[in-house]
Amino acid sequence: MSWLETLNALGVQVDERGNYQVSAAKNSDATVTITPLTHLGLFDVIGPDAEKFLQGQLSCDVKKVSAGKSLLGSHCNIKGSMVSLSRLMPVAGGFWLRTERSILDTAMANLKKYMIFSKAQSQDRSDEIVGLGISGAQASALLSAQGLSIPAANDDTTPAKGGVLIRVPGDRFELWLPATEAGPLLTSLLTAASLTDTDSWKLAEIRSGIPSLQTETLETFIPQMTNLQVFEGVSFSKGCYTGQEVVTRLQHRGKLNRPMYRLAFTADQAPAAGTAINTPDRAGVGTVVSAAMSTDNGGELLAVILKSSVDDDSVILTLENNEQPLERLDLPYELDPELFERPQRL
């Protein structure tokens, strides 16, 4: 039975973008929830030069991934704008990179353009390697009961059933493993856990302040605009990589005018990534990064917005074609205030 057939048998319906809904709740009173990460895909970079190659292309320190971490890393163009954003994880012979399914082909193709002179290769593994998101205060205990070794801290990894288990912020884990292993494991986990919709996982990512990149926002943001440095998604000490000069200049000699914020919206469906955010006096002060529904008439989003428009509480922020005001919400971390101050020139 294929992975999709396994999910269909559990009442899961997957749409063309990989988002899914559960037709019938199971174990609805369970304290642990499981989200098949069908909206995400995975490709590999394998070979003797895999680390060296990725170190020269991505914004994060790939050596830390080789040492057992899982980090977000962006691939930028020469202007410093992100052309892909992936979560890296270490595997035998190289790395797995998981990203939004909608941009996976583009992400892999952009890296392959530079791979020709390296002893490294890449292929889409999404049909054979699949992901589960496990959430809840008892998630560690449930996974331990399956014989899995639990990562100690956020972004730590451990080997798991031919794949990788990652602890991520918010009492959550990402588990990437062969589909042949995932089916039996999911069946076993669901004896003590319940399935949740894709939006539940996206909402947890938003509440953790974790950015994503969609087709609509490719080449729109410099990494710091999505707060990527908070998650060690940008290294300022590892050396050169594509777009590094622009990224480093912003960090040390520039001023960040548009960071990423978290807000609540009122609507009957989530706004698409790339949707403009306006004020009564100015259009396009912000851009939606990601959004998810939390109730039938609203949800939460992450957006890159002009800082002065957010700092002034009297300024009303609205989505394009939606007159309902956006509510400012807190992020679970603080940004370095020096990012918003242009250094004095000697």
C-alpha atoms as a PDB file:
ATOM      1  CA  MET A   1       0.000   0.000   0.000  1.00  0.00           C
ATOM      2  CA  SER A   2       1.395   3.437  -0.971  1.00  0.00           C
ATOM      3  CA  TRP A   3       1.706   6.269   1.553  1.00  0.00           C
ATOM      4  CA  LEU A   4      -1.219   8.121   0.001  1.00  0.00           C
ATOM      5  CA  GLU A   5      -3.354   4.978   0.082  1.00  0.00           C
ATOM      6  CA  THR A   6      -2.432   4.501   3.742  1.00  0.00           C
ATOM      7  CA  LEU A   7      -3.578   8.039   4.521  1.00  0.00           C
ATOM      8  CA  ASN A   8      -6.764   7.687   2.471  1.00  0.00           C
ATOM      9  CA  ALA A   9      -7.630   4.569   4.470  1.00  0.00           C
ATOM     10  CA  LEU A  10      -7.401   6.703   7.619  1.00  0.00           C
ATOM     11  CA  GLY A  11      -9.882   9.221   6.227  1.00  0.00           C
ATOM     12  CA  VAL A  12      -7.290  11.742   5.028  1.00  0.00           C
ATOM     13  CA  GLN A  13      -8.003  13.693   1.847  1.00  0.00           C
ATOM     14  CA  VAL A  14      -4.989  15.440   0.273  1.00  0.00           C
ATOM     15  CA  ASP A  15      -5.386  18.369  -2.148  1.00  0.00           C
ATOM     16  CA  GLU A  16      -3.142  19.365  -5.052  1.00  0.00           C
ATOM     17  CA  ARG A  17      -0.786  21.397  -2.811  1.00  0.00           C
ATOM     18  CA  GLY A  18      -0.350  18.582  -0.324  1.00  0.00           C
ATOM     19  CA  ASN A  19      -2.642  20.066   2.351  1.00  0.00           C
ATOM     20  CA  TYR A  20      -5.039  17.581   3.871  1.00  0.00           C
ATOM     21  CA  GLN A  21      -8.142  17.339   6.001  1.00  0.00           C
ATOM     22  CA  VAL A  22      -9.261  14.510   8.243  1.00  0.00           C
ATOM     23  CA  SER A  23     -12.817  13.395   7.468  1.00  0.00           C
ATOM     24  CA  ALA A  24     -13.357  11.701  10.841  1.00  0.00           C
ATOM     25  CA  ALA A  25     -11.538  12.388  14.103  1.00  0.00           C
ATOM     26  CA  LYS A  26      -9.939   9.425  15.857  1.00  0.00           C
ATOM     27  CA  ASN A  27      -8.941   9.478  19.528  1.00  0.00           C
ATOM     28  CA  SER A  28     -10.158  13.082  19.662  1.00  0.00           C
ATOM     29  CA  ASP A  29      -9.417  13.216  23.398  1.00  0.00           C
ATOM     30  CA  ALA A  30      -5.753  12.210  22.932  1.00  0.00           C
ATOM     31  CA  THR A  31      -3.123  14.656  24.204  1.00  0.00           C
ATOM     32  CA  VAL A  32      -0.740  13.931  21.313  1.00  0.00           C
ATOM     33  CA  THR A  33      -1.570  14.859  17.724  1.00  0.00           C
ATOM     34  CA  ILE A  34       0.015  13.618  14.519  1.00  0.00           C
ATOM     35  CA  THR A  35       0.154  15.517  11.248  1.00  0.00           C
ATOM     36  CA  PRO A  36       1.296  13.739   8.080  1.00  0.00           C
ATOM     37  CA  LEU A  37       3.493  16.433   6.506  1.00  0.00           C
ATOM     38  CA  THR A  38       2.070  15.984   3.031  1.00  0.00           C
ATOM     39  CA  HIS A  39       2.500  19.688   2.202  1.00  0.00           C
ATOM     40  CA  LEU A  40       6.276  19.245   2.497  1.00  0.00           C
ATOM     41  CA  GLY A  41       8.667  17.349   0.251  1.00  0.00           C
ATOM     42  CA  LEU A  42      12.237  16.156   0.587  1.00  0.00           C
ATOM     43  CA  PHE A  43      15.281  15.899  -1.652  1.00  0.00           C
ATOM     44  CA  ASP A  44      18.818  14.822  -0.889  1.00  0.00           C
ATOM     45  CA  VAL A  45      22.337  16.078  -1.535  1.00  0.00           C
ATOM     46  CA  ILE A  46      24.683  13.121  -1.335  1.00  0.00           C
ATOM     47  CA  GLY A  47      28.371  12.602  -2.086  1.00  0.00           C
ATOM     48  CA  PRO A  48      31.932  13.264  -0.859  1.00  0.00           C
ATOM     49  CA  ASP A  49      31.548  17.011  -1.509  1.00  0.00           C
ATOM     50  CA  ALA A  50      28.000  17.358  -0.160  1.00  0.00           C
ATOM     51  CA  GLU A  51      28.972  19.367   2.929  1.00  0.00           C
ATOM     52  CA  LYS A  52      31.483  21.562   1.106  1.00  0.00           C
ATOM     53  CA  PHE A  53      29.018  22.225  -1.697  1.00  0.00           C
ATOM     54  CA  LEU A  54      26.109  23.187   0.547  1.00  0.00           C
ATOM     55  CA  GLN A  55      28.378  25.253   2.787  1.00  0.00           C
ATOM     56  CA  GLY A  56      29.138  27.419  -0.238  1.00  0.00           C
ATOM     57  CA  GLN A  57      25.490  27.794  -1.230  1.00  0.00           C
ATOM     58  CA  LEU A  58      23.283  27.971   1.857  1.00  0.00           C
ATOM     59  CA  SER A  59      23.045  30.613   4.571  1.00  0.00           C
ATOM     60  CA  CYS A  60      23.327  28.272   7.577  1.00  0.00           C
ATOM     61  CA  ASP A  61      26.469  26.574   8.907  1.00  0.00           C
ATOM     62  CA  VAL A  62      26.236  23.149   7.300  1.00  0.00           C
ATOM     63  CA  LYS A  63      29.059  21.823   9.510  1.00  0.00           C
ATOM     64  CA  LYS A  64      26.666  22.062  12.474  1.00  0.00           C
ATOM     65  CA  VAL A  65      24.209  19.883  10.569  1.00  0.00           C
ATOM     66  CA  SER A  66      26.953  17.330   9.925  1.00  0.00           C
ATOM     67  CA  ALA A  67      27.537  17.305  13.693  1.00  0.00           C
ATOM     68  CA  GLY A  68      23.916  16.295  14.373  1.00  0.00           C
ATOM     69  CA  LYS A  69      21.826  19.478  14.215  1.00  0.00           C
ATOM     70  CA  SER A  70      18.896  20.235  11.944  1.00  0.00           C
ATOM     71  CA  LEU A  71      18.910  23.835  10.742  1.00  0.00           C
ATOM     72  CA  LEU A  72      16.846  25.996   8.453  1.00  0.00           C
ATOM     73  CA  GLY A  73      18.941  27.248   5.569  1.00  0.00           C
ATOM     74  CA  SER A  74      18.164  29.568   2.671  1.00  0.00           C
ATOM     75  CA  HIS A  75      19.596  29.519  -0.831  1.00  0.00           C
ATOM     76  CA  CYS A  76      19.914  33.099  -2.025  1.00  0.00           C
ATOM     77  CA  ASN A  77      20.526  34.767  -5.363  1.00  0.00           C
ATOM     78  CA  ILE A  78      23.418  37.198  -5.782  1.00  0.00           C
ATOM     79  CA  LYS A  79      21.167  40.011  -4.506  1.00  0.00           C
ATOM     80  CA  GLY A  80      20.662  38.161  -1.204  1.00  0.00           C
ATOM     81  CA  SER A  81      17.010  37.291  -1.844  1.00  0.00           C
ATOM     82  CA  MET A  82      15.866  33.777  -0.954  1.00  0.00           C
ATOM     83  CA  VAL A  83      15.204  31.423  -3.867  1.00  0.00           C
ATOM     84  CA  SER A  84      14.528  28.508  -1.510  1.00  0.00           C
ATOM     85  CA  LEU A  85      14.258  27.736   2.203  1.00  0.00           C
ATOM     86  CA  SER A  86      14.839  24.221   3.515  1.00  0.00           C
ATOM     87  CA  ARG A  87      15.296  22.360   6.766  1.00  0.00           C
ATOM     88  CA  LEU A  88      18.534  20.370   6.589  1.00  0.00           C
ATOM     89  CA  MET A  89      19.104  17.097   8.403  1.00  0.00           C
ATOM     90  CA  PRO A  90      22.136  14.786   8.430  1.00  0.00           C
ATOM     91  CA  VAL A  91      21.999  11.331   6.855  1.00  0.00           C
ATOM     92  CA  ALA A  92      24.593   8.792   5.764  1.00  0.00           C
ATOM     93  CA  GLY A  93      26.628  10.204   2.887  1.00  0.00           C
ATOM     94  CA  GLY A  94      25.140  13.690   3.003  1.00  0.00           C
ATOM     95  CA  PHE A  95      21.931  15.507   3.800  1.00  0.00           C
ATOM     96  CA  TRP A  96      18.170  15.515   3.400  1.00  0.00           C
ATOM     97  CA  LEU A  97      16.552  18.884   2.680  1.00  0.00           C
ATOM     98  CA  ARG A  98      12.834  19.247   3.322  1.00  0.00           C
ATOM     99  CA  THR A  99      10.935  22.167   1.894  1.00  0.00           C
ATOM    100  CA  GLU A 100       7.491  23.236   0.787  1.00  0.00           C
ATOM    101  CA  ARG A 101       6.349  20.754  -1.849  1.00  0.00           C
ATOM    102  CA  SER A 102       5.291  23.605  -4.157  1.00  0.00           C
ATOM    103  CA  ILE A 103       8.871  24.905  -4.482  1.00  0.00           C
ATOM    104  CA  LEU A 104      10.818  21.645  -4.223  1.00  0.00           C
ATOM    105  CA  ASP A 105      11.539  21.319  -7.952  1.00  0.00           C
ATOM    106  CA  THR A 106      12.736  24.920  -8.101  1.00  0.00           C
ATOM    107  CA  ALA A 107      14.857  24.542  -4.960  1.00  0.00           C
ATOM    108  CA  MET A 108      16.570  21.413  -6.258  1.00  0.00           C
ATOM    109  CA  ALA A 109      17.092  22.842  -9.751  1.00  0.00           C
ATOM    110  CA  ASN A 110      18.707  26.019  -8.409  1.00  0.00           C
ATOM    111  CA  LEU A 111      21.195  23.997  -6.372  1.00  0.00           C
ATOM    112  CA  LYS A 112      21.920  21.607  -9.237  1.00  0.00           C
ATOM    113  CA  LYS A 113      23.037  24.526 -11.414  1.00  0.00           C
ATOM    114  CA  TYR A 114      26.075  24.906  -9.135  1.00  0.00           C
ATOM    115  CA  MET A 115      26.588  21.195  -8.446  1.00  0.00           C
ATOM    116  CA  ILE A 116      28.106  20.228 -11.786  1.00  0.00           C
ATOM    117  CA  PHE A 117      31.707  20.619 -10.644  1.00  0.00           C
ATOM    118  CA  SER A 118      31.204  18.962  -7.237  1.00  0.00           C
ATOM    119  CA  LYS A 119      31.284  15.324  -6.230  1.00  0.00           C
ATOM    120  CA  ALA A 120      27.678  15.549  -5.111  1.00  0.00           C
ATOM    121  CA  GLN A 121      24.317  14.662  -6.582  1.00  0.00           C
ATOM    122  CA  SER A 122      20.694  15.326  -5.747  1.00  0.00           C
ATOM    123  CA  GLN A 123      17.325  13.686  -6.330  1.00  0.00           C
ATOM    124  CA  ASP A 124      13.720  14.112  -5.210  1.00  0.00           C
ATOM    125  CA  ARG A 125      13.004  11.546  -2.485  1.00  0.00           C
ATOM    126  CA  SER A 126       9.446  12.687  -1.682  1.00  0.00           C
ATOM    127  CA  ASP A 127       7.777   9.483  -2.878  1.00  0.00           C
ATOM    128  CA  GLU A 128       9.900   7.242  -0.676  1.00  0.00           C
ATOM    129  CA  ILE A 129      10.750   9.467   2.340  1.00  0.00           C
ATOM    130  CA  VAL A 130       7.727  10.925   4.139  1.00  0.00           C
ATOM    131  CA  GLY A 131       7.190  13.111   7.177  1.00  0.00           C
ATOM    132  CA  LEU A 132       5.138  12.986  10.362  1.00  0.00           C
ATOM    133  CA  GLY A 133       4.669  15.930  12.704  1.00  0.00           C
ATOM    134  CA  ILE A 134       4.116  14.862  16.309  1.00  0.00           C
ATOM    135  CA  SER A 135       2.864  17.443  18.823  1.00  0.00           C
ATOM    136  CA  GLY A 136       1.973  17.581  22.491  1.00  0.00           C
ATOM    137  CA  ALA A 137       3.464  17.469  25.973  1.00  0.00           C
ATOM    138  CA  GLN A 138       3.411  13.649  25.911  1.00  0.00           C
ATOM    139  CA  ALA A 139       4.954  13.363  22.433  1.00  0.00           C
ATOM    140  CA  SER A 140       8.365  12.381  23.821  1.00  0.00           C
ATOM    141  CA  ALA A 141       6.875   9.575  25.889  1.00  0.00           C
ATOM    142  CA  LEU A 142       4.827   8.273  22.972  1.00  0.00           C
ATOM    143  CA  LEU A 143       7.861   8.208  20.668  1.00  0.00           C
ATOM    144  CA  SER A 144      10.017   6.606  23.347  1.00  0.00           C
ATOM    145  CA  ALA A 145       7.439   3.846  23.687  1.00  0.00           C
ATOM    146  CA  GLN A 146       8.065   3.104  19.999  1.00  0.00           C
ATOM    147  CA  GLY A 147      11.749   2.558  20.748  1.00  0.00           C
ATOM    148  CA  LEU A 148      12.922   5.906  19.377  1.00  0.00           C
ATOM    149  CA  SER A 149      15.755   7.915  20.921  1.00  0.00           C
ATOM    150  CA  ILE A 150      14.517  11.426  21.739  1.00  0.00           C
ATOM    151  CA  PRO A 151      16.594  14.500  20.751  1.00  0.00           C
ATOM    152  CA  ALA A 152      17.489  16.524  23.835  1.00  0.00           C
ATOM    153  CA  ALA A 153      17.028  20.105  22.595  1.00  0.00           C
ATOM    154  CA  ASN A 154      15.360  22.019  19.791  1.00  0.00           C
ATOM    155  CA  ASP A 155      17.041  21.332  16.426  1.00  0.00           C
ATOM    156  CA  ASP A 156      18.834  18.241  17.750  1.00  0.00           C
ATOM    157  CA  THR A 157      18.422  15.043  15.725  1.00  0.00           C
ATOM    158  CA  THR A 158      18.555  11.304  16.335  1.00  0.00           C
ATOM    159  CA  PRO A 159      18.425   8.368  13.875  1.00  0.00           C
ATOM    160  CA  ALA A 160      14.967   6.798  13.661  1.00  0.00           C
ATOM    161  CA  LYS A 161      13.804   3.731  11.700  1.00  0.00           C
ATOM    162  CA  GLY A 162      15.989   4.497   8.680  1.00  0.00           C
ATOM    163  CA  GLY A 163      15.254   8.204   8.948  1.00  0.00           C
ATOM    164  CA  VAL A 164      15.717  11.220  11.192  1.00  0.00           C
ATOM    165  CA  LEU A 165      13.807  12.493  14.243  1.00  0.00           C
ATOM    166  CA  ILE A 166      14.076  16.242  14.898  1.00  0.00           C
ATOM    167  CA  ARG A 167      12.914  18.163  17.956  1.00  0.00           C
ATOM    168  CA  VAL A 168      11.395  21.489  16.870  1.00  0.00           C
ATOM    169  CA  PRO A 169      10.007  24.387  18.951  1.00  0.00           C
ATOM    170  CA  GLY A 170       6.676  23.991  20.731  1.00  0.00           C
ATOM    171  CA  ASP A 171       6.679  20.435  22.179  1.00  0.00           C
ATOM    172  CA  ARG A 172       6.899  19.102  18.623  1.00  0.00           C
ATOM    173  CA  PHE A 173       8.921  16.671  16.520  1.00  0.00           C
ATOM    174  CA  GLU A 174       9.428  16.145  12.805  1.00  0.00           C
ATOM    175  CA  LEU A 175      10.022  12.526  11.839  1.00  0.00           C
ATOM    176  CA  TRP A 176      11.246  11.783   8.309  1.00  0.00           C
ATOM    177  CA  LEU A 177      11.520   8.137   7.389  1.00  0.00           C
ATOM    178  CA  PRO A 178      10.913   5.635   4.573  1.00  0.00           C
ATOM    179  CA  ALA A 179       7.251   5.297   3.648  1.00  0.00           C
ATOM    180  CA  THR A 180       7.515   1.543   4.241  1.00  0.00           C
ATOM    181  CA  GLU A 181       8.321   2.280   7.892  1.00  0.00           C
ATOM    182  CA  ALA A 182       5.915   5.201   8.260  1.00  0.00           C
ATOM    183  CA  GLY A 183       2.729   3.258   7.591  1.00  0.00           C
ATOM    184  CA  PRO A 184       3.083   0.686  10.404  1.00  0.00           C
ATOM    185  CA  LEU A 185       4.453   3.330  12.788  1.00  0.00           C
ATOM    186  CA  LEU A 186       1.543   5.699  12.157  1.00  0.00           C
ATOM    187  CA  THR A 187      -0.957   2.898  12.768  1.00  0.00           C
ATOM    188  CA  SER A 188       0.758   2.111  16.069  1.00  0.00           C
ATOM    189  CA  LEU A 189       0.976   5.766  17.141  1.00  0.00           C
ATOM    190  CA  LEU A 190      -2.713   6.341  16.482  1.00  0.00           C
ATOM    191  CA  THR A 191      -3.654   3.920  19.255  1.00  0.00           C
ATOM    192  CA  ALA A 192      -2.711   6.741  21.645  1.00  0.00           C
ATOM    193  CA  ALA A 193      -2.759   9.858  19.424  1.00  0.00           C
ATOM    194  CA  SER A 194      -5.129  11.642  17.030  1.00  0.00           C
ATOM    195  CA  LEU A 195      -4.713  12.912  13.479  1.00  0.00           C
ATOM    196  CA  THR A 196      -4.892  16.651  12.837  1.00  0.00           C
ATOM    197  CA  ASP A 197      -5.242  18.717   9.669  1.00  0.00           C
ATOM    198  CA  THR A 198      -2.365  20.402   7.866  1.00  0.00           C
ATOM    199  CA  ASP A 199      -3.478  23.791   9.217  1.00  0.00           C
ATOM    200  CA  SER A 200      -2.820  22.583  12.777  1.00  0.00           C
ATOM    201  CA  TRP A 201       0.867  22.059  11.974  1.00  0.00           C
ATOM    202  CA  LYS A 202       1.108  25.298  10.004  1.00  0.00           C
ATOM    203  CA  LEU A 203      -0.478  27.152  12.922  1.00  0.00           C
ATOM    204  CA  ALA A 204       2.105  25.694  15.318  1.00  0.00           C
ATOM    205  CA  GLU A 205       4.880  26.841  12.965  1.00  0.00           C
ATOM    206  CA  ILE A 206       3.387  30.327  12.867  1.00  0.00           C
ATOM    207  CA  ARG A 207       3.085  30.488  16.662  1.00  0.00           C
ATOM    208  CA  SER A 208       6.742  29.442  16.882  1.00  0.00           C
ATOM    209  CA  GLY A 209       7.626  32.258  14.472  1.00  0.00           C
ATOM    210  CA  ILE A 210       9.145  29.870  11.929  1.00  0.00           C
ATOM    211  CA  PRO A 211       9.083  31.165   8.335  1.00  0.00           C
ATOM    212  CA  SER A 212       8.367  29.259   5.149  1.00  0.00           C
ATOM    213  CA  LEU A 213       8.821  30.134   1.499  1.00  0.00           C
ATOM    214  CA  GLN A 214       6.135  29.613  -1.134  1.00  0.00           C
ATOM    215  CA  THR A 215       6.004  29.924  -4.916  1.00  0.00           C
ATOM    216  CA  GLU A 216       4.381  33.350  -4.512  1.00  0.00           C
ATOM    217  CA  THR A 217       7.246  34.694  -2.365  1.00  0.00           C
ATOM    218  CA  LEU A 218      10.332  33.372  -4.158  1.00  0.00           C
ATOM    219  CA  GLU A 219      13.059  36.045  -4.427  1.00  0.00           C
ATOM    220  CA  THR A 220      10.982  38.391  -2.230  1.00  0.00           C
ATOM    221  CA  PHE A 221      12.818  38.337   1.131  1.00  0.00           C
ATOM    222  CA  ILE A 222      16.372  38.643   2.383  1.00  0.00           C
ATOM    223  CA  PRO A 223      16.848  36.023   5.178  1.00  0.00           C
ATOM    224  CA  GLN A 224      16.776  38.517   8.079  1.00  0.00           C
ATOM    225  CA  MET A 225      13.428  39.835   6.857  1.00  0.00           C
ATOM    226  CA  THR A 226      11.946  36.453   7.889  1.00  0.00           C
ATOM    227  CA  ASN A 227      13.854  36.407  11.224  1.00  0.00           C
ATOM    228  CA  LEU A 228      15.876  33.439   9.969  1.00  0.00           C
ATOM    229  CA  GLN A 229      18.916  34.416  12.068  1.00  0.00           C
ATOM    230  CA  VAL A 230      16.913  33.603  15.231  1.00  0.00           C
ATOM    231  CA  PHE A 231      17.024  29.918  14.264  1.00  0.00           C
ATOM    232  CA  GLU A 232      20.718  29.876  13.248  1.00  0.00           C
ATOM    233  CA  GLY A 233      19.453  29.883   9.690  1.00  0.00           C
ATOM    234  CA  VAL A 234      22.093  32.481   8.882  1.00  0.00           C
ATOM    235  CA  SER A 235      25.759  32.163   9.849  1.00  0.00           C
ATOM    236  CA  PHE A 236      27.881  35.298   9.946  1.00  0.00           C
ATOM    237  CA  SER A 237      31.145  33.474  10.625  1.00  0.00           C
ATOM    238  CA  LYS A 238      31.296  30.481   8.267  1.00  0.00           C
ATOM    239  CA  GLY A 239      32.588  32.298   5.177  1.00  0.00           C
ATOM    240  CA  CYS A 240      31.289  32.899   1.680  1.00  0.00           C
ATOM    241  CA  TYR A 241      28.082  31.601   0.141  1.00  0.00           C
ATOM    242  CA  THR A 242      25.845  32.870  -2.637  1.00  0.00           C
ATOM    243  CA  GLY A 243      24.338  36.223  -1.630  1.00  0.00           C
ATOM    244  CA  GLN A 244      26.500  36.400   1.506  1.00  0.00           C
ATOM    245  CA  GLU A 245      27.788  39.933   0.879  1.00  0.00           C
ATOM    246  CA  VAL A 246      24.285  41.429   0.851  1.00  0.00           C
ATOM    247  CA  VAL A 247      23.137  39.406   3.871  1.00  0.00           C
ATOM    248  CA  THR A 248      26.215  40.309   5.927  1.00  0.00           C
ATOM    249  CA  ARG A 249      26.081  43.976   4.921  1.00  0.00           C
ATOM    250  CA  LEU A 250      22.511  44.228   6.222  1.00  0.00           C
ATOM    251  CA  GLN A 251      23.517  42.588   9.507  1.00  0.00           C
ATOM    252  CA  HIS A 252      26.556  44.737  10.245  1.00  0.00           C
ATOM    253  CA  ARG A 253      26.251  47.948   8.255  1.00  0.00           C
ATOM    254  CA  GLY A 254      22.610  48.255   7.286  1.00  0.00           C
ATOM    255  CA  LYS A 255      19.240  48.721   8.940  1.00  0.00           C
ATOM    256  CA  LEU A 256      16.392  46.210   8.845  1.00  0.00           C
ATOM    257  CA  ASN A 257      13.227  48.118   7.999  1.00  0.00           C
ATOM    258  CA  ARG A 258      10.939  45.133   7.382  1.00  0.00           C
ATOM    259  CA  PRO A 259      11.161  42.221   9.848  1.00  0.00           C
ATOM    260  CA  MET A 260       8.611  39.441  10.220  1.00  0.00           C
ATOM    261  CA  TYR A 261       5.654  39.758  12.601  1.00  0.00           C
ATOM    262  CA  ARG A 262       2.807  37.559  13.809  1.00  0.00           C
ATOM    263  CA  LEU A 263      -0.795  38.752  13.469  1.00  0.00           C
ATOM    264  CA  ALA A 264      -4.365  37.469  13.709  1.00  0.00           C
ATOM    265  CA  PHE A 265      -6.803  37.852  10.824  1.00  0.00           C
ATOM    266  CA  THR A 266     -10.569  37.568  10.391  1.00  0.00           C
ATOM    267  CA  ALA A 267     -11.701  35.769   7.243  1.00  0.00           C
ATOM    268  CA  ASP A 268     -13.341  32.543   6.106  1.00  0.00           C
ATOM    269  CA  GLN A 269     -10.117  31.337   4.493  1.00  0.00           C
ATOM    270  CA  ALA A 270      -6.414  31.963   5.027  1.00  0.00           C
ATOM    271  CA  PRO A 271      -4.752  34.576   2.816  1.00  0.00           C
ATOM    272  CA  ALA A 272      -2.253  33.219   0.323  1.00  0.00           C
ATOM    273  CA  ALA A 273       1.454  33.799   0.750  1.00  0.00           C
ATOM    274  CA  GLY A 274       2.387  37.008  -1.041  1.00  0.00           C
ATOM    275  CA  THR A 275      -0.874  38.788  -0.181  1.00  0.00           C
ATOM    276  CA  ALA A 276      -0.263  42.485   0.396  1.00  0.00           C
ATOM    277  CA  ILE A 277      -0.842  44.200   3.750  1.00  0.00           C
ATOM    278  CA  ASN A 278      -1.995  47.814   3.629  1.00  0.00           C
ATOM    279  CA  THR A 279      -2.680  50.802   5.854  1.00  0.00           C
ATOM    280  CA  PRO A 280      -5.314  53.491   5.182  1.00  0.00           C
ATOM    281  CA  ASP A 281      -2.559  55.759   3.873  1.00  0.00           C
ATOM    282  CA  ARG A 282      -0.238  53.319   2.141  1.00  0.00           C
ATOM    283  CA  ALA A 283      -0.570  50.122   0.131  1.00  0.00           C
ATOM    284  CA  GLY A 284       1.971  47.334   0.296  1.00  0.00           C
ATOM    285  CA  VAL A 285       3.529  48.011   3.714  1.00  0.00           C
ATOM    286  CA  GLY A 286       3.760  44.259   4.193  1.00  0.00           C
ATOM    287  CA  THR A 287       3.639  40.822   2.584  1.00  0.00           C
ATOM    288  CA  VAL A 288       2.136  37.621   3.987  1.00  0.00           C
ATOM    289  CA  VAL A 289       4.734  34.873   4.525  1.00  0.00           C
ATOM    290  CA  SER A 290       2.378  32.108   5.710  1.00  0.00           C
ATOM    291  CA  ALA A 291      -1.109  31.809   7.182  1.00  0.00           C
ATOM    292  CA  ALA A 292      -3.351  29.176   8.746  1.00  0.00           C
ATOM    293  CA  MET A 293      -6.896  29.014  10.039  1.00  0.00           C
ATOM    294  CA  SER A 294      -7.478  28.505  13.779  1.00  0.00           C
ATOM    295  CA  THR A 295     -11.272  28.906  13.812  1.00  0.00           C
ATOM    296  CA  ASP A 296     -14.031  28.954  11.198  1.00  0.00           C
ATOM    297  CA  ASN A 297     -13.751  32.719  10.819  1.00  0.00           C
ATOM    298  CA  GLY A 298     -10.089  33.506  11.311  1.00  0.00           C
ATOM    299  CA  GLY A 299      -6.545  32.473  12.037  1.00  0.00           C
ATOM    300  CA  GLU A 300      -2.974  33.653  12.342  1.00  0.00           C
ATOM    301  CA  LEU A 301      -0.252  34.658   9.939  1.00  0.00           C
ATOM    302  CA  LEU A 302       3.363  35.660   9.648  1.00  0.00           C
ATOM    303  CA  ALA A 303       4.150  38.700   7.524  1.00  0.00           C
ATOM    304  CA  VAL A 304       7.109  40.874   6.647  1.00  0.00           C
ATOM    305  CA  ILE A 305       5.947  44.424   7.401  1.00  0.00           C
ATOM    306  CA  LEU A 306       7.418  47.912   7.516  1.00  0.00           C
ATOM    307  CA  LYS A 307       8.489  48.253  11.153  1.00  0.00           C
ATOM    308  CA  SER A 308       7.228  51.821  11.574  1.00  0.00           C
ATOM    309  CA  SER A 309       3.721  50.714  10.580  1.00  0.00           C
ATOM    310  CA  VAL A 310       3.677  47.981  13.242  1.00  0.00           C
ATOM    311  CA  ASP A 311       5.274  50.062  15.999  1.00  0.00           C
ATOM    312  CA  ASP A 312       2.571  52.721  15.753  1.00  0.00           C
ATOM    313  CA  ASP A 313      -0.437  51.107  17.432  1.00  0.00           C
ATOM    314  CA  SER A 314      -2.738  53.737  15.930  1.00  0.00           C
ATOM    315  CA  VAL A 315      -1.996  52.472  12.417  1.00  0.00           C
ATOM    316  CA  ILE A 316      -4.633  50.026  11.159  1.00  0.00           C
ATOM    317  CA  LEU A 317      -3.217  47.108   9.199  1.00  0.00           C
ATOM    318  CA  THR A 318      -5.451  45.202   6.779  1.00  0.00           C
ATOM    319  CA  LEU A 319      -5.096  42.470   4.192  1.00  0.00           C
ATOM    320  CA  GLU A 320      -5.609  43.309   0.561  1.00  0.00           C
ATOM    321  CA  ASN A 321      -9.340  42.975  -0.275  1.00  0.00           C
ATOM    322  CA  ASN A 322     -10.207  42.535   3.401  1.00  0.00           C
ATOM    323  CA  GLU A 323     -11.262  45.508   5.529  1.00  0.00           C
ATOM    324  CA  GLN A 324     -11.059  43.655   8.855  1.00  0.00           C
ATOM    325  CA  PRO A 325      -8.147  45.007  10.966  1.00  0.00           C
ATOM    326  CA  LEU A 326      -5.249  42.686  11.698  1.00  0.00           C
ATOM    327  CA  GLU A 327      -4.446  42.130  15.371  1.00  0.00           C
ATOM    328  CA  ARG A 328      -0.789  42.374  16.437  1.00  0.00           C
ATOM    329  CA  LEU A 329       0.411  39.269  18.318  1.00  0.00           C
ATOM    330  CA  ASP A 330       3.657  38.473  20.122  1.00  0.00           C
ATOM    331  CA  LEU A 331       6.386  36.253  18.762  1.00  0.00           C
ATOM    332  CA  PRO A 332       8.033  33.707  21.106  1.00  0.00           C
ATOM    333  CA  TYR A 333      11.417  35.411  20.671  1.00  0.00           C
ATOM    334  CA  GLU A 334      12.914  38.886  20.571  1.00  0.00           C
ATOM    335  CA  LEU A 335      14.938  40.323  17.718  1.00  0.00           C
ATOM    336  CA  ASP A 336      18.292  42.027  18.265  1.00  0.00           C
ATOM    337  CA  PRO A 337      17.460  45.759  18.547  1.00  0.00           C
ATOM    338  CA  GLU A 338      20.741  46.631  16.825  1.00  0.00           C
ATOM    339  CA  LEU A 339      19.242  45.273  13.593  1.00  0.00           C
ATOM    340  CA  PHE A 340      16.998  48.338  13.502  1.00  0.00           C
ATOM    341  CA  GLU A 341      19.730  50.908  14.098  1.00  0.00           C
ATOM    342  CA  ARG A 342      22.046  51.984  11.317  1.00  0.00           C
ATOM    343  CA  PRO A 343      25.629  51.916  12.700  1.00  0.00           C
ATOM    344  CA  GLN A 344      27.369  55.222  13.091  1.00  0.00           C
ATOM    345  CA  ARG A 345      30.051  55.742  10.460  1.00  0.00           C
ATOM    346  CA  LEU A 346      33.462  56.794  11.713  1.00  0.00           C
END
